[in-house]
Amino acid sequence: MPASDDKWDWKFTEPAKRAYEKLQSHEQERIVSKLDEIVTDQ
């Protein structure tokens, strides 16, 4: 993230991405929603 950018973002590591892809869609949606909520609140 550039120093001039005040926005936070999240990104899966490769092991987390593989685990995420094995989840059901409603589980994936919940995870993404929570991660988005966390970075939006920062």
Foldseek 3Di string as FASTA:
>chain_A
DDPVDPFDDDDDDVVRVVVLVPDDPVVNVVVVVVRVVVRVVD
